[in-house]
Amino acid sequence: MAIALAATVLILTYPNLPSLEILTDYRPKIPLRVYTSDGFLIGEFGEERRAVVSIQDVPDIMKQAILAAEDERFYQHKGIDAQGVVRAALSNLLGGGKRQGASTITQQVAKNFFLSSEKTYARKLYEALLSFKIENNLSKDQIFELYINQIYLGQRAYGFGAAAQIYFGKSL
């Protein structure tokens, strides 16, 4: 019965998921930067601070750190980490409340680009379906690059490139 219900939801919902064009044609808001004639940055104007980086320009040690903190099995799963879901469920059950989440990097990309932050089972199901769609249409490196450039890291910094400049005064 549960399998039939899941299959029905999948068949009815999957075709209505949004287009992935926003991901495949990624164009984030870039702030207006004003420089002096000798190249010194005078000011930056805009709601979001960004420094878009290519996945090839991200140091390996940073990639490893992000994966260790956010989704250690990123390159092994297909959008949903079943082991992570079981681990988080057990931890939350034994700990008496929501203490751990199980969102993968792909799920975070789906949420950041397409969904709200509401905490409902319907949104989580939609996030899972979007994650499968993203995984079937983009490479792991494309997904990881989107995450690295889109995630909010405080101080109006979106992405690790902007965060490196804001917090450390250095490029990634």
Protein backbone atom coordinates (compact mmCIF):
# COMPACT_ATOMS: atom_id res chain seq x y z
CA MET A 1 0.00 0.00 0.00
CA ALA A 2 2.75 2.45 0.96
CA ILE A 3 4.70 1.68 -2.22
CA ALA A 4 1.60 2.26 -4.36
CA LEU A 5 0.96 5.59 -2.61
CA ALA A 6 4.58 6.66 -3.11
CA ALA A 7 4.48 5.68 -6.79
CA THR A 8 1.24 7.62 -7.30
CA VAL A 9 2.68 10.74 -5.64
CA LEU A 10 5.81 10.44 -7.77
CA ILE A 11 3.89 9.98 -11.03
CA LEU A 12 1.60 12.93 -10.31
CA THR A 13 4.19 15.32 -8.89
CA TYR A 14 7.43 14.74 -10.84
CA PRO A 15 6.17 16.15 -14.20
CA ASN A 16 5.03 19.33 -12.44
CA LEU A 17 8.38 20.12 -10.85
CA PRO A 18 9.90 23.44 -11.95
CA SER A 19 12.31 23.73 -14.85
CA LEU A 20 16.00 23.51 -13.95
CA GLU A 21 16.85 26.42 -16.26
CA ILE A 22 17.65 28.64 -13.27
CA LEU A 23 20.37 26.12 -12.39
CA THR A 24 21.70 25.39 -15.86
CA ASP A 25 21.80 29.11 -16.73
CA TYR A 26 23.02 30.32 -13.32
CA ARG A 27 23.17 34.11 -13.16
CA PRO A 28 23.37 35.30 -9.56
CA LYS A 29 22.90 38.91 -8.52
CA ILE A 30 26.33 40.52 -8.70
CA PRO A 31 26.81 43.77 -6.77
CA LEU A 32 27.86 46.93 -8.54
CA ARG A 33 31.53 47.55 -7.77
CA VAL A 34 33.11 50.97 -8.17
CA TYR A 35 36.89 51.17 -8.61
CA THR A 36 39.44 54.00 -8.84
CA SER A 37 41.39 54.37 -12.07
CA ASP A 38 44.27 52.41 -10.49
CA GLY A 39 42.03 49.47 -9.57
CA PHE A 40 41.28 50.17 -5.89
CA LEU A 41 37.76 49.18 -4.83
CA ILE A 42 35.87 52.26 -3.60
CA GLY A 43 32.51 50.69 -2.90
CA GLU A 44 30.18 47.83 -3.47
CA PHE A 45 26.43 48.33 -3.86
CA GLY A 46 23.73 45.67 -3.68
CA GLU A 47 21.91 43.43 -1.24
CA GLU A 48 24.11 40.42 -1.86
CA ARG A 49 27.88 40.19 -1.85
CA ARG A 50 29.15 37.62 -4.33
CA ALA A 51 32.35 36.42 -5.92
CA VAL A 52 31.35 33.57 -8.21
CA VAL A 53 33.98 30.86 -8.49
CA SER A 54 34.38 27.86 -10.75
CA ILE A 55 34.58 24.46 -9.07
CA GLN A 56 38.10 24.08 -10.54
CA ASP A 57 39.21 27.20 -8.63
CA VAL A 58 38.09 25.90 -5.24
CA PRO A 59 41.03 24.46 -3.29
CA ASP A 60 40.75 20.72 -2.70
CA ILE A 61 41.11 21.17 1.07
CA MET A 62 38.07 23.48 1.04
CA LYS A 63 36.03 21.00 -0.99
CA GLN A 64 36.95 18.26 1.47
CA ALA A 65 36.04 20.47 4.45
CA ILE A 66 32.64 21.38 2.96
CA LEU A 67 31.87 17.74 2.18
CA ALA A 68 32.96 16.63 5.67
CA ALA A 69 30.71 19.20 7.31
CA GLU A 70 27.70 19.08 5.00
CA ASP A 71 27.44 15.83 3.05
CA GLU A 72 30.26 13.32 3.33
CA ARG A 73 28.60 10.85 0.92
CA PHE A 74 27.75 13.51 -1.69
CA TYR A 75 29.54 11.72 -4.53
CA GLN A 76 27.95 8.36 -3.62
CA HIS A 77 24.21 9.10 -3.28
CA LYS A 78 21.62 10.15 -5.87
CA GLY A 79 20.29 13.23 -4.06
CA ILE A 80 19.04 11.69 -0.83
CA ASP A 81 21.41 10.09 1.68
CA ALA A 82 19.48 7.14 3.14
CA GLN A 83 22.16 6.53 5.77
CA GLY A 84 21.98 10.18 6.81
CA VAL A 85 18.19 10.05 7.08
CA VAL A 86 18.33 6.96 9.31
CA ARG A 87 21.13 8.48 11.44
CA ALA A 88 19.23 11.76 11.92
CA ALA A 89 15.94 9.97 12.65
CA LEU A 90 17.56 7.79 15.32
CA SER A 91 19.37 10.74 16.85
CA ASN A 92 16.21 12.82 16.93
CA LEU A 93 14.15 9.94 18.32
CA LEU A 94 16.65 9.11 21.05
CA GLY A 95 17.42 12.75 21.77
CA GLY A 96 13.79 13.77 22.15
CA GLY A 97 13.42 16.37 19.41
CA LYS A 98 14.97 17.64 16.23
CA ARG A 99 18.70 17.71 16.88
CA GLN A 100 20.06 16.63 13.50
CA GLY A 101 19.05 17.11 9.91
CA ALA A 102 19.76 14.92 6.93
CA SER A 103 19.72 17.38 4.04
CA THR A 104 22.26 16.66 1.35
CA ILE A 105 24.03 19.34 -0.67
CA THR A 106 21.62 18.60 -3.52
CA GLN A 107 18.64 19.10 -1.21
CA GLN A 108 20.10 22.39 -0.02
CA VAL A 109 20.49 23.52 -3.64
CA ALA A 110 16.86 22.54 -4.32
CA LYS A 111 15.68 24.46 -1.25
CA ASN A 112 17.81 27.56 -1.89
CA PHE A 113 16.75 27.91 -5.52
CA PHE A 114 13.14 26.72 -5.52
CA LEU A 115 11.60 26.36 -2.06
CA SER A 116 10.83 28.23 1.13
CA SER A 117 12.30 27.36 4.51
CA GLU A 118 8.98 26.15 5.96
CA LYS A 119 9.33 22.92 7.88
CA THR A 120 6.57 20.70 6.54
CA TYR A 121 6.53 17.14 5.27
CA ALA A 122 5.07 18.33 1.95
CA ARG A 123 7.98 20.73 1.39
CA LYS A 124 10.48 18.04 2.37
CA LEU A 125 8.87 15.61 -0.12
CA TYR A 126 8.99 18.26 -2.84
CA GLU A 127 12.66 18.91 -1.94
CA ALA A 128 13.43 15.20 -2.30
CA LEU A 129 11.74 15.00 -5.70
CA LEU A 130 13.57 18.12 -6.88
CA SER A 131 16.83 16.60 -5.65
CA PHE A 132 16.27 13.51 -7.80
CA LYS A 133 15.49 15.73 -10.79
CA ILE A 134 18.61 17.84 -10.21
CA GLU A 135 20.79 14.73 -9.83
CA ASN A 136 19.40 13.31 -13.09
CA ASN A 137 20.14 16.49 -15.07
CA LEU A 138 23.35 17.96 -13.62
CA SER A 139 26.74 16.50 -12.78
CA LYS A 140 27.89 16.28 -9.16
CA ASP A 141 30.49 19.01 -9.82
CA GLN A 142 27.81 21.31 -11.30
CA ILE A 143 25.64 20.80 -8.21
CA PHE A 144 28.60 21.35 -5.87
CA GLU A 145 29.56 24.55 -7.74
CA LEU A 146 26.01 25.89 -7.41
CA TYR A 147 26.10 25.17 -3.68
CA ILE A 148 29.51 26.81 -3.23
CA ASN A 149 28.31 29.98 -4.97
CA GLN A 150 24.76 30.21 -3.59
CA ILE A 151 24.90 29.30 0.11
CA TYR A 152 24.43 32.21 2.53
CA LEU A 153 27.36 32.59 4.93
CA GLY A 154 26.48 35.76 6.88
CA GLN A 155 27.39 39.45 6.39
CA ARG A 156 25.43 39.49 3.09
CA ALA A 157 27.96 36.95 1.73
CA TYR A 158 26.52 34.45 -0.72
CA GLY A 159 29.02 31.77 -1.56
CA PHE A 160 32.45 30.90 -0.28
CA GLY A 161 34.23 33.32 -2.64
CA ALA A 162 32.42 36.31 -1.13
CA ALA A 163 32.82 34.94 2.41
CA ALA A 164 36.60 34.62 1.92
CA GLN A 165 36.77 38.27 0.89
CA ILE A 166 34.52 39.51 3.69
CA TYR A 167 35.93 37.48 6.58
CA PHE A 168 39.57 37.17 5.57
CA GLY A 169 40.16 39.91 2.98
CA LYS A 170 41.39 37.30 0.51
CA SER A 171 40.17 35.60 -2.61
CA LEU A 172 39.14 31.99 -2.34
